[in-house]
Amino acid sequence: MLDFENGPFSEAEKAALAWAQQLTLDAHAIDDALFERVKKHYDEGEIVEISAMAGLFNYFNRVNDALHMEPTKPGEGL
């Protein structure tokens, strides 16, 4: 697991990453403390956007994993 909490990120970025991580691991475990942490930096629309982006990347990763797709380098496969 990535240690973004000790990385070179702003508090807002760390909150968004914590939100996306918990959404990915177990969305039912998002608690009031995490929600309040995210709300300190983002409005409701932005939280929806962060959630949608995390969900979209989860979708891409799961589908790519299921299909055993390998990432390509820029310019490959054209």
PDB file of N, CA and C in Angstrom:
ATOM      1  N   MET A   1       0.849  -1.171   0.000  1.00  0.00           N
ATOM      2  CA  MET A   1       0.000   0.000   0.000  1.00  0.00           C
ATOM      3  C   MET A   1       0.900   1.241   0.000  1.00  0.00           C
ATOM      4  N   LEU A   2       0.494   2.245  -0.722  1.00  0.00           N
ATOM      5  CA  LEU A   2       1.274   3.471  -0.812  1.00  0.00           C
ATOM      6  C   LEU A   2       1.185   4.277   0.480  1.00  0.00           C
ATOM      7  N   ASP A   3       2.295   4.889   0.854  1.00  0.00           N
ATOM      8  CA  ASP A   3       2.338   5.710   2.060  1.00  0.00           C
ATOM      9  C   ASP A   3       2.237   7.183   1.676  1.00  0.00           C
ATOM     10  N   PHE A   4       1.084   7.569   1.126  1.00  0.00           N
ATOM     11  CA  PHE A   4       0.914   8.948   0.676  1.00  0.00           C
ATOM     12  C   PHE A   4       0.854   9.923   1.838  1.00  0.00           C
ATOM     13  N   GLU A   5       0.480   9.455   3.034  1.00  0.00           N
ATOM     14  CA  GLU A   5       0.362  10.355   4.190  1.00  0.00           C
ATOM     15  C   GLU A   5       1.707  10.997   4.522  1.00  0.00           C
ATOM     16  N   ASN A   6       2.801  10.322   4.206  1.00  0.00           N
ATOM     17  CA  ASN A   6       4.135  10.862   4.475  1.00  0.00           C
ATOM     18  C   ASN A   6       4.810  11.354   3.200  1.00  0.00           C
ATOM     19  N   GLY A   7       4.051  11.461   2.135  1.00  0.00           N
ATOM     20  CA  GLY A   7       4.589  11.903   0.857  1.00  0.00           C
ATOM     21  C   GLY A   7       4.528  13.412   0.701  1.00  0.00           C
ATOM     22  N   PRO A   8       4.971  13.883  -0.450  1.00  0.00           N
ATOM     23  CA  PRO A   8       5.052  15.326  -0.699  1.00  0.00           C
ATOM     24  C   PRO A   8       3.733  15.930  -1.184  1.00  0.00           C
ATOM     25  N   PHE A   9       2.660  15.642  -0.474  1.00  0.00           N
ATOM     26  CA  PHE A   9       1.334  16.101  -0.871  1.00  0.00           C
ATOM     27  C   PHE A   9       0.804  17.126   0.117  1.00  0.00           C
ATOM     28  N   SER A  10      -0.066  17.996  -0.382  1.00  0.00           N
ATOM     29  CA  SER A  10      -0.738  18.948   0.504  1.00  0.00           C
ATOM     30  C   SER A  10      -1.750  18.197   1.364  1.00  0.00           C
ATOM     31  N   GLU A  11      -2.238  18.858   2.402  1.00  0.00           N
ATOM     32  CA  GLU A  11      -3.255  18.224   3.251  1.00  0.00           C
ATOM     33  C   GLU A  11      -4.522  17.914   2.447  1.00  0.00           C
ATOM     34  N   ALA A  12      -4.867  18.773   1.513  1.00  0.00           N
ATOM     35  CA  ALA A  12      -6.042  18.531   0.665  1.00  0.00           C
ATOM     36  C   ALA A  12      -5.825  17.291  -0.194  1.00  0.00           C
ATOM     37  N   GLU A  13      -4.643  17.173  -0.781  1.00  0.00           N
ATOM     38  CA  GLU A  13      -4.342  16.000  -1.615  1.00  0.00           C
ATOM     39  C   GLU A  13      -4.334  14.726  -0.783  1.00  0.00           C
ATOM     40  N   LYS A  14      -3.776  14.786   0.410  1.00  0.00           N
ATOM     41  CA  LYS A  14      -3.762  13.616   1.292  1.00  0.00           C
ATOM     42  C   LYS A  14      -5.183  13.198   1.656  1.00  0.00           C
ATOM     43  N   ALA A  15      -6.046  14.168   1.907  1.00  0.00           N
ATOM     44  CA  ALA A  15      -7.437  13.855   2.228  1.00  0.00           C
ATOM     45  C   ALA A  15      -8.121  13.180   1.043  1.00  0.00           C
ATOM     46  N   ALA A  16      -7.897  13.697  -0.161  1.00  0.00           N
ATOM     47  CA  ALA A  16      -8.499  13.092  -1.355  1.00  0.00           C
ATOM     48  C   ALA A  16      -7.970  11.686  -1.582  1.00  0.00           C
ATOM     49  N   LEU A  17      -6.679  11.493  -1.379  1.00  0.00           N
ATOM     50  CA  LEU A  17      -6.091  10.161  -1.553  1.00  0.00           C
ATOM     51  C   LEU A  17      -6.617   9.184  -0.500  1.00  0.00           C
ATOM     52  N   ALA A  18      -6.768   9.650   0.741  1.00  0.00           N
ATOM     53  CA  ALA A  18      -7.335   8.796   1.790  1.00  0.00           C
ATOM     54  C   ALA A  18      -8.767   8.398   1.439  1.00  0.00           C
ATOM     55  N   TRP A  19      -9.530   9.361   0.923  1.00  0.00           N
ATOM     56  CA  TRP A  19     -10.911   9.099   0.504  1.00  0.00           C
ATOM     57  C   TRP A  19     -10.943   8.054  -0.614  1.00  0.00           C
ATOM     58  N   ALA A  20     -10.120   8.270  -1.635  1.00  0.00           N
ATOM     59  CA  ALA A  20     -10.091   7.343  -2.776  1.00  0.00           C
ATOM     60  C   ALA A  20      -9.630   5.955  -2.342  1.00  0.00           C
ATOM     61  N   GLN A  21      -8.651   5.911  -1.442  1.00  0.00           N
ATOM     62  CA  GLN A  21      -8.177   4.608  -0.964  1.00  0.00           C
ATOM     63  C   GLN A  21      -9.264   3.857  -0.222  1.00  0.00           C
ATOM     64  N   GLN A  22      -9.955   4.544   0.699  1.00  0.00           N
ATOM     65  CA  GLN A  22     -11.008   3.876   1.457  1.00  0.00           C
ATOM     66  C   GLN A  22     -12.185   3.497   0.566  1.00  0.00           C
ATOM     67  N   LEU A  23     -12.500   4.332  -0.391  1.00  0.00           N
ATOM     68  CA  LEU A  23     -13.546   4.023  -1.358  1.00  0.00           C
ATOM     69  C   LEU A  23     -13.196   2.748  -2.119  1.00  0.00           C
ATOM     70  N   THR A  24     -11.928   2.596  -2.452  1.00  0.00           N
ATOM     71  CA  THR A  24     -11.459   1.430  -3.186  1.00  0.00           C
ATOM     72  C   THR A  24     -11.468   0.168  -2.319  1.00  0.00           C
ATOM     73  N   LEU A  25     -10.985   0.289  -1.090  1.00  0.00           N
ATOM     74  CA  LEU A  25     -10.850  -0.879  -0.221  1.00  0.00           C
ATOM     75  C   LEU A  25     -12.180  -1.339   0.368  1.00  0.00           C
ATOM     76  N   ASP A  26     -12.975  -0.396   0.856  1.00  0.00           N
ATOM     77  CA  ASP A  26     -14.262  -0.731   1.474  1.00  0.00           C
ATOM     78  C   ASP A  26     -15.069   0.549   1.666  1.00  0.00           C
ATOM     79  N   ALA A  27     -15.885   0.865   0.697  1.00  0.00           N
ATOM     80  CA  ALA A  27     -16.665   2.103   0.735  1.00  0.00           C
ATOM     81  C   ALA A  27     -17.604   2.159   1.935  1.00  0.00           C
ATOM     82  N   HIS A  28     -18.043   0.998   2.418  1.00  0.00           N
ATOM     83  CA  HIS A  28     -18.942   0.970   3.577  1.00  0.00           C
ATOM     84  C   HIS A  28     -18.229   1.396   4.856  1.00  0.00           C
ATOM     85  N   ALA A  29     -16.905   1.392   4.839  1.00  0.00           N
ATOM     86  CA  ALA A  29     -16.129   1.749   6.030  1.00  0.00           C
ATOM     87  C   ALA A  29     -15.733   3.223   6.063  1.00  0.00           C
ATOM     88  N   ILE A  30     -16.219   4.011   5.109  1.00  0.00           N
ATOM     89  CA  ILE A  30     -15.956   5.454   5.163  1.00  0.00           C
ATOM     90  C   ILE A  30     -16.729   6.010   6.354  1.00  0.00           C
ATOM     91  N   ASP A  31     -15.988   6.567   7.294  1.00  0.00           N
ATOM     92  CA  ASP A  31     -16.622   7.048   8.518  1.00  0.00           C
ATOM     93  C   ASP A  31     -16.760   8.574   8.515  1.00  0.00           C
ATOM     94  N   ASP A  32     -17.399   9.069   9.545  1.00  0.00           N
ATOM     95  CA  ASP A  32     -17.628  10.512   9.654  1.00  0.00           C
ATOM     96  C   ASP A  32     -16.325  11.297   9.711  1.00  0.00           C
ATOM     97  N   ALA A  33     -15.308  10.737  10.359  1.00  0.00           N
ATOM     98  CA  ALA A  33     -14.031  11.444  10.479  1.00  0.00           C
ATOM     99  C   ALA A  33     -13.389  11.657   9.115  1.00  0.00           C
ATOM    100  N   LEU A  34     -13.417  10.633   8.274  1.00  0.00           N
ATOM    101  CA  LEU A  34     -12.850  10.776   6.935  1.00  0.00           C
ATOM    102  C   LEU A  34     -13.687  11.742   6.105  1.00  0.00           C
ATOM    103  N   PHE A  35     -14.996  11.653   6.220  1.00  0.00           N
ATOM    104  CA  PHE A  35     -15.855  12.569   5.477  1.00  0.00           C
ATOM    105  C   PHE A  35     -15.592  14.013   5.898  1.00  0.00           C
ATOM    106  N   GLU A  36     -15.438  14.250   7.193  1.00  0.00           N
ATOM    107  CA  GLU A  36     -15.152  15.607   7.681  1.00  0.00           C
ATOM    108  C   GLU A  36     -13.781  16.078   7.208  1.00  0.00           C
ATOM    109  N   ARG A  37     -12.827  15.159   7.177  1.00  0.00           N
ATOM    110  CA  ARG A  37     -11.486  15.512   6.692  1.00  0.00           C
ATOM    111  C   ARG A  37     -11.544  15.986   5.242  1.00  0.00           C
ATOM    112  N   VAL A  38     -12.289  15.282   4.420  1.00  0.00           N
ATOM    113  CA  VAL A  38     -12.398  15.641   3.009  1.00  0.00           C
ATOM    114  C   VAL A  38     -13.185  16.953   2.850  1.00  0.00           C
ATOM    115  N   LYS A  39     -14.239  17.113   3.653  1.00  0.00           N
ATOM    116  CA  LYS A  39     -15.063  18.328   3.571  1.00  0.00           C
ATOM    117  C   LYS A  39     -14.308  19.596   3.962  1.00  0.00           C
ATOM    118  N   LYS A  40     -13.205  19.470   4.691  1.00  0.00           N
ATOM    119  CA  LYS A  40     -12.394  20.640   5.047  1.00  0.00           C
ATOM    120  C   LYS A  40     -11.778  21.275   3.800  1.00  0.00           C
ATOM    121  N   HIS A  41     -11.592  20.464   2.769  1.00  0.00           N
ATOM    122  CA  HIS A  41     -10.857  20.918   1.589  1.00  0.00           C
ATOM    123  C   HIS A  41     -11.695  20.986   0.316  1.00  0.00           C
ATOM    124  N   TYR A  42     -12.810  20.251   0.285  1.00  0.00           N
ATOM    125  CA  TYR A  42     -13.582  20.126  -0.948  1.00  0.00           C
ATOM    126  C   TYR A  42     -15.062  20.307  -0.670  1.00  0.00           C
ATOM    127  N   ASP A  43     -15.770  20.890  -1.647  1.00  0.00           N
ATOM    128  CA  ASP A  43     -17.223  21.006  -1.507  1.00  0.00           C
ATOM    129  C   ASP A  43     -17.865  19.699  -1.990  1.00  0.00           C
ATOM    130  N   GLU A  44     -19.180  19.616  -1.864  1.00  0.00           N
ATOM    131  CA  GLU A  44     -19.876  18.363  -2.201  1.00  0.00           C
ATOM    132  C   GLU A  44     -19.653  17.944  -3.653  1.00  0.00           C
ATOM    133  N   GLY A  45     -19.692  18.905  -4.577  1.00  0.00           N
ATOM    134  CA  GLY A  45     -19.473  18.580  -5.986  1.00  0.00           C
ATOM    135  C   GLY A  45     -18.088  18.023  -6.234  1.00  0.00           C
ATOM    136  N   GLU A  46     -17.102  18.603  -5.576  1.00  0.00           N
ATOM    137  CA  GLU A  46     -15.732  18.118  -5.740  1.00  0.00           C
ATOM    138  C   GLU A  46     -15.556  16.720  -5.149  1.00  0.00           C
ATOM    139  N   ILE A  47     -16.236  16.452  -4.032  1.00  0.00           N
ATOM    140  CA  ILE A  47     -16.171  15.114  -3.436  1.00  0.00           C
ATOM    141  C   ILE A  47     -16.810  14.092  -4.376  1.00  0.00           C
ATOM    142  N   VAL A  48     -17.890  14.478  -5.009  1.00  0.00           N
ATOM    143  CA  VAL A  48     -18.508  13.587  -6.010  1.00  0.00           C
ATOM    144  C   VAL A  48     -17.523  13.333  -7.149  1.00  0.00           C
ATOM    145  N   GLU A  49     -16.830  14.365  -7.615  1.00  0.00           N
ATOM    146  CA  GLU A  49     -15.865  14.204  -8.697  1.00  0.00           C
ATOM    147  C   GLU A  49     -14.702  13.303  -8.279  1.00  0.00           C
ATOM    148  N   ILE A  50     -14.189  13.480  -7.076  1.00  0.00           N
ATOM    149  CA  ILE A  50     -13.109  12.622  -6.577  1.00  0.00           C
ATOM    150  C   ILE A  50     -13.592  11.174  -6.515  1.00  0.00           C
ATOM    151  N   SER A  51     -14.801  10.979  -6.014  1.00  0.00           N
ATOM    152  CA  SER A  51     -15.375   9.635  -5.906  1.00  0.00           C
ATOM    153  C   SER A  51     -15.575   9.002  -7.275  1.00  0.00           C
ATOM    154  N   ALA A  52     -16.086   9.784  -8.216  1.00  0.00           N
ATOM    155  CA  ALA A  52     -16.316   9.265  -9.567  1.00  0.00           C
ATOM    156  C   ALA A  52     -14.998   8.896 -10.238  1.00  0.00           C
ATOM    157  N   MET A  53     -13.987   9.718 -10.054  1.00  0.00           N
ATOM    158  CA  MET A  53     -12.691   9.428 -10.662  1.00  0.00           C
ATOM    159  C   MET A  53     -12.081   8.166 -10.052  1.00  0.00           C
ATOM    160  N   ALA A  54     -12.155   8.033  -8.739  1.00  0.00           N
ATOM    161  CA  ALA A  54     -11.649   6.819  -8.090  1.00  0.00           C
ATOM    162  C   ALA A  54     -12.414   5.597  -8.601  1.00  0.00           C
ATOM    163  N   GLY A  55     -13.724   5.718  -8.711  1.00  0.00           N
ATOM    164  CA  GLY A  55     -14.534   4.612  -9.215  1.00  0.00           C
ATOM    165  C   GLY A  55     -14.201   4.265 -10.650  1.00  0.00           C
ATOM    166  N   LEU A  56     -13.972   5.270 -11.472  1.00  0.00           N
ATOM    167  CA  LEU A  56     -13.634   5.035 -12.871  1.00  0.00           C
ATOM    168  C   LEU A  56     -12.312   4.292 -12.999  1.00  0.00           C
ATOM    169  N   PHE A  57     -11.306   4.722 -12.242  1.00  0.00           N
ATOM    170  CA  PHE A  57     -10.018   4.040 -12.309  1.00  0.00           C
ATOM    171  C   PHE A  57     -10.098   2.634 -11.721  1.00  0.00           C
ATOM    172  N   ASN A  58     -10.929   2.431 -10.701  1.00  0.00           N
ATOM    173  CA  ASN A  58     -11.152   1.077 -10.191  1.00  0.00           C
ATOM    174  C   ASN A  58     -11.758   0.198 -11.278  1.00  0.00           C
ATOM    175  N   TYR A  59     -12.729   0.745 -11.994  1.00  0.00           N
ATOM    176  CA  TYR A  59     -13.358   0.014 -13.095  1.00  0.00           C
ATOM    177  C   TYR A  59     -12.319  -0.379 -14.142  1.00  0.00           C
ATOM    178  N   PHE A  60     -11.536   0.604 -14.607  1.00  0.00           N
ATOM    179  CA  PHE A  60     -10.519   0.319 -15.626  1.00  0.00           C
ATOM    180  C   PHE A  60      -9.561  -0.761 -15.153  1.00  0.00           C
ATOM    181  N   ASN A  61      -9.084  -0.644 -13.922  1.00  0.00           N
ATOM    182  CA  ASN A  61      -8.125  -1.619 -13.408  1.00  0.00           C
ATOM    183  C   ASN A  61      -8.728  -3.011 -13.315  1.00  0.00           C
ATOM    184  N   ARG A  62      -9.943  -3.108 -12.850  1.00  0.00           N
ATOM    185  CA  ARG A  62     -10.567  -4.428 -12.698  1.00  0.00           C
ATOM    186  C   ARG A  62     -10.842  -5.071 -14.059  1.00  0.00           C
ATOM    187  N   VAL A  63     -11.337  -4.307 -14.993  1.00  0.00           N
ATOM    188  CA  VAL A  63     -11.600  -4.850 -16.329  1.00  0.00           C
ATOM    189  C   VAL A  63     -10.288  -5.249 -16.999  1.00  0.00           C
ATOM    190  N   ASN A  64      -9.277  -4.389 -16.922  1.00  0.00           N
ATOM    191  CA  ASN A  64      -7.981  -4.720 -17.514  1.00  0.00           C
ATOM    192  C   ASN A  64      -7.378  -5.958 -16.865  1.00  0.00           C
ATOM    193  N   ASP A  65      -7.492  -6.083 -15.551  1.00  0.00           N
ATOM    194  CA  ASP A  65      -6.985  -7.271 -14.872  1.00  0.00           C
ATOM    195  C   ASP A  65      -7.738  -8.522 -15.319  1.00  0.00           C
ATOM    196  N   ALA A  66      -9.057  -8.436 -15.405  1.00  0.00           N
ATOM    197  CA  ALA A  66      -9.858  -9.594 -15.809  1.00  0.00           C
ATOM    198  C   ALA A  66      -9.522 -10.050 -17.222  1.00  0.00           C
ATOM    199  N   LEU A  67      -9.212  -9.107 -18.092  1.00  0.00           N
ATOM    200  CA  LEU A  67      -8.887  -9.428 -19.480  1.00  0.00           C
ATOM    201  C   LEU A  67      -7.390  -9.655 -19.695  1.00  0.00           C
ATOM    202  N   HIS A  68      -6.616  -9.609 -18.608  1.00  0.00           N
ATOM    203  CA  HIS A  68      -5.159  -9.807 -18.666  1.00  0.00           C
ATOM    204  C   HIS A  68      -4.499  -8.853 -19.649  1.00  0.00           C
ATOM    205  N   MET A  69      -4.960  -7.620 -19.627  1.00  0.00           N
ATOM    206  CA  MET A  69      -4.400  -6.623 -20.525  1.00  0.00           C
ATOM    207  C   MET A  69      -3.144  -6.021 -19.894  1.00  0.00           C
ATOM    208  N   GLU A  70      -2.140  -5.827 -20.718  1.00  0.00           N
ATOM    209  CA  GLU A  70      -0.895  -5.221 -20.268  1.00  0.00           C
ATOM    210  C   GLU A  70      -0.858  -3.771 -20.749  1.00  0.00           C
ATOM    211  N   PRO A  71      -0.354  -2.881 -19.903  1.00  0.00           N
ATOM    212  CA  PRO A  71      -0.239  -1.485 -20.352  1.00  0.00           C
ATOM    213  C   PRO A  71       0.718  -1.368 -21.530  1.00  0.00           C
ATOM    214  N   THR A  72       0.465  -0.418 -22.373  1.00  0.00           N
ATOM    215  CA  THR A  72       1.359  -0.179 -23.512  1.00  0.00           C
ATOM    216  C   THR A  72       2.113   1.121 -23.279  1.00  0.00           C
ATOM    217  N   LYS A  73       3.229   1.235 -23.942  1.00  0.00           N
ATOM    218  CA  LYS A  73       4.014   2.462 -23.871  1.00  0.00           C
ATOM    219  C   LYS A  73       3.464   3.420 -24.914  1.00  0.00           C
ATOM    220  N   PRO A  74       3.623   4.716 -24.709  1.00  0.00           N
ATOM    221  CA  PRO A  74       3.147   5.676 -25.699  1.00  0.00           C
ATOM    222  C   PRO A  74       3.666   5.336 -27.097  1.00  0.00           C
ATOM    223  N   GLY A  75       2.781   5.297 -28.071  1.00  0.00           N
ATOM    224  CA  GLY A  75       3.150   5.010 -29.447  1.00  0.00           C
ATOM    225  C   GLY A  75       3.092   3.539 -29.816  1.00  0.00           C
ATOM    226  N   GLU A  76       2.987   2.653 -28.813  1.00  0.00           N
ATOM    227  CA  GLU A  76       2.886   1.228 -29.122  1.00  0.00           C
ATOM    228  C   GLU A  76       1.468   0.888 -29.577  1.00  0.00           C
ATOM    229  N   GLY A  77       1.379  -0.074 -30.423  1.00  0.00           N
ATOM    230  CA  GLY A  77       0.077  -0.578 -30.839  1.00  0.00           C
ATOM    231  C   GLY A  77      -0.655   0.296 -31.830  1.00  0.00           C
ATOM    232  N   LEU A  78       0.031   1.268 -32.387  1.00  0.00           N
ATOM    233  CA  LEU A  78      -0.626   2.143 -33.370  1.00  0.00           C
ATOM    234  C   LEU A  78      -0.412   1.615 -34.757  1.00  0.00           C
TER     235      LEU A  78
END
